[in-house]
Every structure is written in structure tokens, then in C-alpha cells.
Amino acid sequence: MSCHYHLRTMLVPGTKASEIDSFCETFGKKYGATPAFKTKKDYRHTITFSVDDEITHAIPTAKKLVPQTGLLKIDVGFIYKGMVSDAAQTYVLGKIPEADVLLSQRTEEALRAGIAVVKAGCTVGDIGAAVDAVAKKYGYGNVRELGGHGLGYSLHDMPFVPHYGKAGKGAKLFENKVITIEPMFNIGSAGMYIDEKDGWTIRTQDGSHSAQWEADILVTKTGCEVLTDIAPDQILPL
């Protein structure tokens, strides 16, 4: 996604999360896209801005700043000509423990493992089993309450795409369906809770750090196309 490409240059320590949020909205509008997350009740922002033990959905306020070091997860979605996109990345900021770097890399590895099994006729259980195998391989907590989902004319369409399960089980995917896969792994336990202070931020239960990677996938007859993977010549200019 072009927006994520440009975000990399903005992640300067001390930058307000609200400024990054405004940039994303302005960038989208330049190309005729509107914020998808604002379609959710009471959410008034274009991105989520989650740091370290915040798994996802943290609000990009003016008081929240890009940290000197840490794992920063930014999720952003747009609506373009009625169709919805939704993509998240984990940004490794500054010199952080190797365990945190590996957490991000291995969560992205799990995303790719899930993508590798997608094709018309596969089940969401096939995807979940592939993702969960990576979590188990490295001993990470795999957040189960959250998962991927269908995309189309609404942000959260059917089916729910869990990041665990049994191969061959669950809803089947048909050709031309679009889904997201978005594993969220914790260094510690898989437990999570919603912070009562804002009613949105989802944190790890034990305070351990978390990583998230999300891609949009078009199901094809023989495999899939990752819509959020773009070539250099496809990046929209500022």
C-alpha cells in the first residue's frame, strides 16, 4: 500500500500520532479515497497507532508520539470507489532487543505462511493452521479473539479468518473473494484486554510486546494475488 510506503519517512521520534493520522487522510483524499475506519461507530481517525504492548486499535492522539525505540503497529484502511482496503505493518524503531525484532519478522513470516495456502476451495481453517504453526514453532502467544476478515463494500465482511484452526475446516473461499490475513503475535501469553481508558486500545494481558502484519488477498483459481504488495512503479507519489 502506497500510504505505508510514505509513512516510513514520517516515523521520526517525537512526531505526533495525530499528524501521521492527518497525513494519511490527506494522502487518501488526494486520490479520491476516504478513511475506512471512520465507518466504525465512534471511531474518528484514519489509522490506529499501537506501541509495544498495545496489540492494535490504539487511538492516534496528539499526546501520543512516535517513540525513540519500540514496536509501532500502524493499521490504515481506505474506501475507493466503494471498495475497502485494510493493511497493517509493524515498524521497528531504534535499537530494540533482538527478541522484539524477531517477533516482528516472525509475525510477518506467519502472514506469508497463511498467504501460501490461499486458493479457491481452501478453507479458513487451512489459513489458520498455517499461521498457528508459525506461532507454535517460536513459542509465541497467538491472539485468538482477533483475526482476518472478508473485504468488499464493508470493512469487516464475512468470513472471519481466524489465525488458528484445523486444515480443511471452516468456511471455503471462492474465486475472486478478497480477504485479509493479519496475525498478531505476543512474546508472552496470548491473553488480551481492551483498555477501559479509551474503550479502543487492545493490550496484551501480561504486558509483553506484540506485533501485527496484515495484507489484502484476492483469491484466484490456482492461488492468490496480494493486493497490498506493490511494485516500485505502482507507488502513488505524494
Protein backbone atom coordinates (compact mmCIF):
# COMPACT_ATOMS: atom_id res chain seq x y z
CA MET A 1 0.00 0.00 0.00
CA SER A 2 1.41 3.39 -1.05
CA CYS A 3 0.42 5.02 2.22
CA HIS A 4 2.58 2.65 4.26
CA TYR A 5 5.48 3.29 1.91
CA HIS A 6 5.36 7.03 2.62
CA LEU A 7 4.82 6.55 6.37
CA ARG A 8 8.34 5.23 6.76
CA THR A 9 9.75 8.73 6.21
CA MET A 10 7.45 10.21 8.87
CA LEU A 11 8.37 7.99 11.78
CA VAL A 12 10.71 10.50 13.40
CA PRO A 13 10.84 10.29 17.20
CA GLY A 14 8.60 12.95 18.72
CA THR A 15 6.24 13.21 15.77
CA LYS A 16 2.63 13.35 16.95
CA ALA A 17 0.46 10.39 16.09
CA SER A 18 -2.29 12.83 15.15
CA GLU A 19 -0.01 14.35 12.48
CA ILE A 20 0.55 10.93 10.93
CA ASP A 21 -3.19 10.33 11.04
CA SER A 22 -3.86 13.62 9.24
CA PHE A 23 -1.21 12.85 6.63
CA CYS A 24 -2.86 9.51 5.81
CA GLU A 25 -6.30 11.06 5.44
CA THR A 26 -4.95 13.84 3.21
CA PHE A 27 -2.98 11.37 1.10
CA GLY A 28 -6.03 9.19 0.57
CA LYS A 29 -8.27 12.10 -0.35
CA LYS A 30 -5.74 13.25 -2.95
CA TYR A 31 -6.51 10.06 -4.86
CA GLY A 32 -10.25 10.00 -4.19
CA ALA A 33 -10.20 7.63 -1.20
CA THR A 34 -11.84 8.18 2.18
CA PRO A 35 -10.93 6.69 5.59
CA ALA A 36 -12.47 3.25 6.08
CA PHE A 37 -12.10 3.18 9.85
CA LYS A 38 -14.40 6.18 10.23
CA THR A 39 -17.26 3.91 9.17
CA LYS A 40 -16.95 2.20 12.56
CA LYS A 41 -19.18 3.68 15.24
CA ASP A 42 -17.47 6.36 17.35
CA TYR A 43 -14.06 5.96 15.66
CA ARG A 44 -12.93 9.29 14.24
CA HIS A 45 -9.49 8.55 12.85
CA THR A 46 -7.84 7.21 9.70
CA ILE A 47 -5.27 4.96 11.37
CA THR A 48 -4.61 3.04 14.56
CA PHE A 49 -1.28 3.66 16.27
CA SER A 50 -0.21 0.90 18.67
CA VAL A 51 3.11 0.67 20.52
CA ASP A 52 4.79 -2.29 22.23
CA ASP A 53 2.18 -4.00 24.49
CA GLU A 54 -0.68 -2.37 22.55
CA ILE A 55 -1.76 -5.09 20.15
CA THR A 56 -3.99 -2.94 17.94
CA HIS A 57 -6.74 -0.28 17.77
CA ALA A 58 -4.83 2.35 19.77
CA ILE A 59 -6.01 5.90 19.01
CA PRO A 60 -3.60 8.34 17.28
CA THR A 61 -3.94 11.29 19.65
CA ALA A 62 -1.88 14.48 19.71
CA LYS A 63 -0.40 13.40 23.05
CA LYS A 64 0.89 10.16 21.60
CA LEU A 65 4.31 10.43 19.94
CA VAL A 66 6.50 8.27 17.76
CA PRO A 67 8.85 6.68 20.31
CA GLN A 68 12.63 6.64 20.15
CA THR A 69 12.54 2.85 20.28
CA GLY A 70 9.87 0.21 20.15
CA LEU A 71 7.46 -1.78 18.01
CA LEU A 72 4.97 0.53 16.33
CA LYS A 73 1.95 -1.02 14.61
CA ILE A 74 0.08 1.20 12.17
CA ASP A 75 -3.16 -0.02 10.60
CA VAL A 76 -4.82 2.04 7.86
CA GLY A 77 -7.80 1.50 5.60
CA PHE A 78 -9.43 3.36 2.73
CA ILE A 79 -12.59 3.24 0.66
CA TYR A 80 -12.05 3.79 -3.06
CA LYS A 81 -14.97 3.67 -5.48
CA GLY A 82 -16.92 1.79 -2.83
CA MET A 83 -14.30 -0.90 -2.23
CA VAL A 84 -12.36 -1.21 1.01
CA SER A 85 -8.64 -1.77 1.63
CA ASP A 86 -7.08 -2.50 5.03
CA ALA A 87 -3.39 -3.06 5.80
CA ALA A 88 -1.16 -3.06 8.89
CA GLN A 89 2.58 -3.18 9.41
CA THR A 90 4.93 -3.32 12.37
CA TYR A 91 7.71 -0.74 12.30
CA VAL A 92 10.88 -1.47 14.25
CA LEU A 93 12.08 1.81 15.73
CA GLY A 94 15.56 2.43 17.05
CA LYS A 95 17.79 -0.12 18.74
CA ILE A 96 15.48 -2.61 20.40
CA PRO A 97 16.02 -6.09 21.87
CA GLU A 98 16.62 -8.80 19.29
CA ALA A 99 13.60 -10.66 20.66
CA ASP A 100 11.35 -7.80 19.54
CA VAL A 101 12.95 -7.64 16.09
CA LEU A 102 12.44 -11.38 15.66
CA LEU A 103 8.84 -11.09 16.86
CA SER A 104 8.04 -8.69 14.02
CA GLN A 105 9.90 -10.77 11.43
CA ARG A 106 8.26 -13.99 12.51
CA THR A 107 4.77 -12.49 12.61
CA GLU A 108 5.30 -11.41 9.01
CA GLU A 109 6.56 -14.95 8.32
CA ALA A 110 3.24 -16.25 9.66
CA LEU A 111 1.35 -13.86 7.38
CA ARG A 112 3.24 -15.25 4.38
CA ALA A 113 2.60 -18.81 5.55
CA GLY A 114 -1.11 -18.10 5.59
CA ILE A 115 -0.99 -16.48 2.16
CA ALA A 116 0.84 -19.50 0.74
CA VAL A 117 -2.15 -21.81 1.23
CA VAL A 118 -4.79 -19.47 -0.24
CA LYS A 119 -6.57 -20.57 -3.41
CA ALA A 120 -10.13 -21.14 -4.49
CA GLY A 121 -11.58 -24.02 -2.47
CA CYS A 122 -9.29 -23.69 0.52
CA THR A 123 -10.82 -23.13 3.94
CA VAL A 124 -10.19 -20.55 6.62
CA GLY A 125 -9.01 -23.48 8.72
CA ASP A 126 -6.20 -24.08 6.22
CA ILE A 127 -5.07 -20.46 6.72
CA GLY A 128 -5.43 -20.57 10.49
CA ALA A 129 -3.47 -23.80 10.80
CA ALA A 130 -0.62 -22.40 8.70
CA VAL A 131 -0.43 -19.20 10.76
CA ASP A 132 -0.69 -21.00 14.10
CA ALA A 133 2.07 -23.43 13.14
CA VAL A 134 4.49 -20.49 12.99
CA ALA A 135 3.35 -19.21 16.40
CA LYS A 136 3.87 -22.64 17.91
CA LYS A 137 7.23 -23.05 16.21
CA TYR A 138 8.60 -20.00 18.02
CA GLY A 139 6.54 -20.25 21.21
CA TYR A 140 4.55 -17.04 20.73
CA GLY A 141 1.13 -16.19 22.09
CA ASN A 142 -1.25 -16.17 19.12
CA VAL A 143 -4.12 -13.74 19.75
CA ARG A 144 -7.29 -15.71 19.02
CA GLU A 145 -10.05 -13.19 19.69
CA LEU A 146 -8.95 -11.11 16.69
CA GLY A 147 -8.41 -12.21 13.12
CA GLY A 148 -8.67 -11.52 9.44
CA HIS A 149 -11.92 -10.96 7.58
CA GLY A 150 -13.59 -10.57 4.25
CA LEU A 151 -13.28 -7.31 2.36
CA GLY A 152 -15.57 -5.75 -0.18
CA TYR A 153 -18.10 -2.98 0.24
CA SER A 154 -17.71 -3.05 4.04
CA LEU A 155 -14.65 -3.02 6.28
CA HIS A 156 -15.44 -6.26 8.11
CA ASP A 157 -17.18 -8.66 5.77
CA MET A 158 -17.64 -12.41 6.06
CA PRO A 159 -15.94 -14.74 6.60
CA PHE A 160 -13.99 -14.30 9.81
CA VAL A 161 -10.46 -15.59 9.17
CA PRO A 162 -9.03 -16.98 12.43
CA HIS A 163 -5.30 -17.36 12.90
CA TYR A 164 -5.69 -20.85 14.32
CA GLY A 165 -7.74 -23.90 13.40
CA LYS A 166 -7.69 -27.23 11.62
CA ALA A 167 -6.86 -27.69 7.97
CA GLY A 168 -9.96 -28.44 5.91
CA LYS A 169 -12.35 -26.93 8.44
CA GLY A 170 -14.36 -23.72 8.32
CA ALA A 171 -15.71 -21.58 5.52
CA LYS A 172 -14.44 -22.23 2.00
CA LEU A 173 -13.04 -19.38 -0.09
CA PHE A 174 -14.24 -18.90 -3.64
CA GLU A 175 -12.52 -17.40 -6.65
CA ASN A 176 -12.41 -13.56 -6.66
CA LYS A 177 -13.13 -13.30 -2.92
CA VAL A 178 -10.99 -10.72 -1.10
CA ILE A 179 -9.87 -11.32 2.49
CA THR A 180 -7.35 -10.06 4.98
CA ILE A 181 -4.92 -12.16 6.95
CA GLU A 182 -3.48 -10.27 9.94
CA PRO A 183 -1.67 -12.34 12.58
CA MET A 184 -0.99 -10.72 15.94
CA PHE A 185 1.68 -12.49 17.98
CA ASN A 186 2.76 -11.74 21.55
CA ILE A 187 6.13 -12.57 23.05
CA GLY A 188 4.26 -13.71 26.16
CA SER A 189 0.82 -15.23 26.53
CA ALA A 190 -1.99 -14.86 24.00
CA GLY A 191 -4.16 -13.04 26.55
CA MET A 192 -5.54 -9.58 25.70
CA TYR A 193 -7.89 -6.96 27.09
CA ILE A 194 -9.49 -3.69 26.00
CA ASP A 195 -8.15 -0.67 27.85
CA GLU A 196 -11.06 0.93 29.71
CA LYS A 197 -9.46 4.39 29.49
CA ASP A 198 -10.42 4.82 25.84
CA GLY A 199 -12.51 1.75 25.08
CA TRP A 200 -10.49 1.00 21.94
CA THR A 201 -6.86 0.10 22.68
CA ILE A 202 -6.28 -3.65 22.89
CA ARG A 203 -3.32 -4.62 25.07
CA THR A 204 -1.52 -7.83 25.97
CA GLN A 205 -2.75 -9.27 29.24
CA ASP A 206 0.75 -9.78 30.63
CA GLY A 207 2.33 -6.57 29.32
CA SER A 208 4.51 -8.38 26.77
CA HIS A 209 5.21 -6.84 23.38
CA SER A 210 3.12 -7.63 20.33
CA ALA A 211 3.49 -7.44 16.53
CA GLN A 212 0.91 -7.29 13.74
CA TRP A 213 1.11 -7.73 9.96
CA GLU A 214 -1.90 -7.52 7.66
CA ALA A 215 -2.35 -7.96 3.91
CA ASP A 216 -5.29 -7.90 1.50
CA ILE A 217 -5.54 -11.02 -0.65
CA LEU A 218 -7.54 -11.72 -3.80
CA VAL A 219 -8.37 -15.42 -4.11
CA THR A 220 -7.70 -16.88 -7.56
CA LYS A 221 -8.38 -20.29 -9.09
CA THR A 222 -4.83 -21.51 -8.60
CA GLY A 223 -3.56 -19.29 -5.76
CA CYS A 224 -3.91 -15.66 -4.84
CA GLU A 225 -2.78 -12.11 -5.50
CA VAL A 226 -1.55 -9.98 -2.60
CA LEU A 227 -3.17 -6.65 -3.34
CA THR A 228 -1.16 -4.77 -0.73
CA ASP A 229 2.19 -5.87 -2.19
CA ILE A 230 3.02 -3.18 -4.74
CA ALA A 231 5.93 -2.71 -7.10
CA PRO A 232 8.03 0.49 -7.02
CA ASP A 233 6.34 1.80 -10.16
CA GLN A 234 2.92 1.39 -8.50
CA ILE A 235 3.66 3.67 -5.56
CA LEU A 236 1.46 6.74 -5.71
CA PRO A 237 3.50 9.97 -5.34
CA LEU A 238 2.91 12.48 -2.59
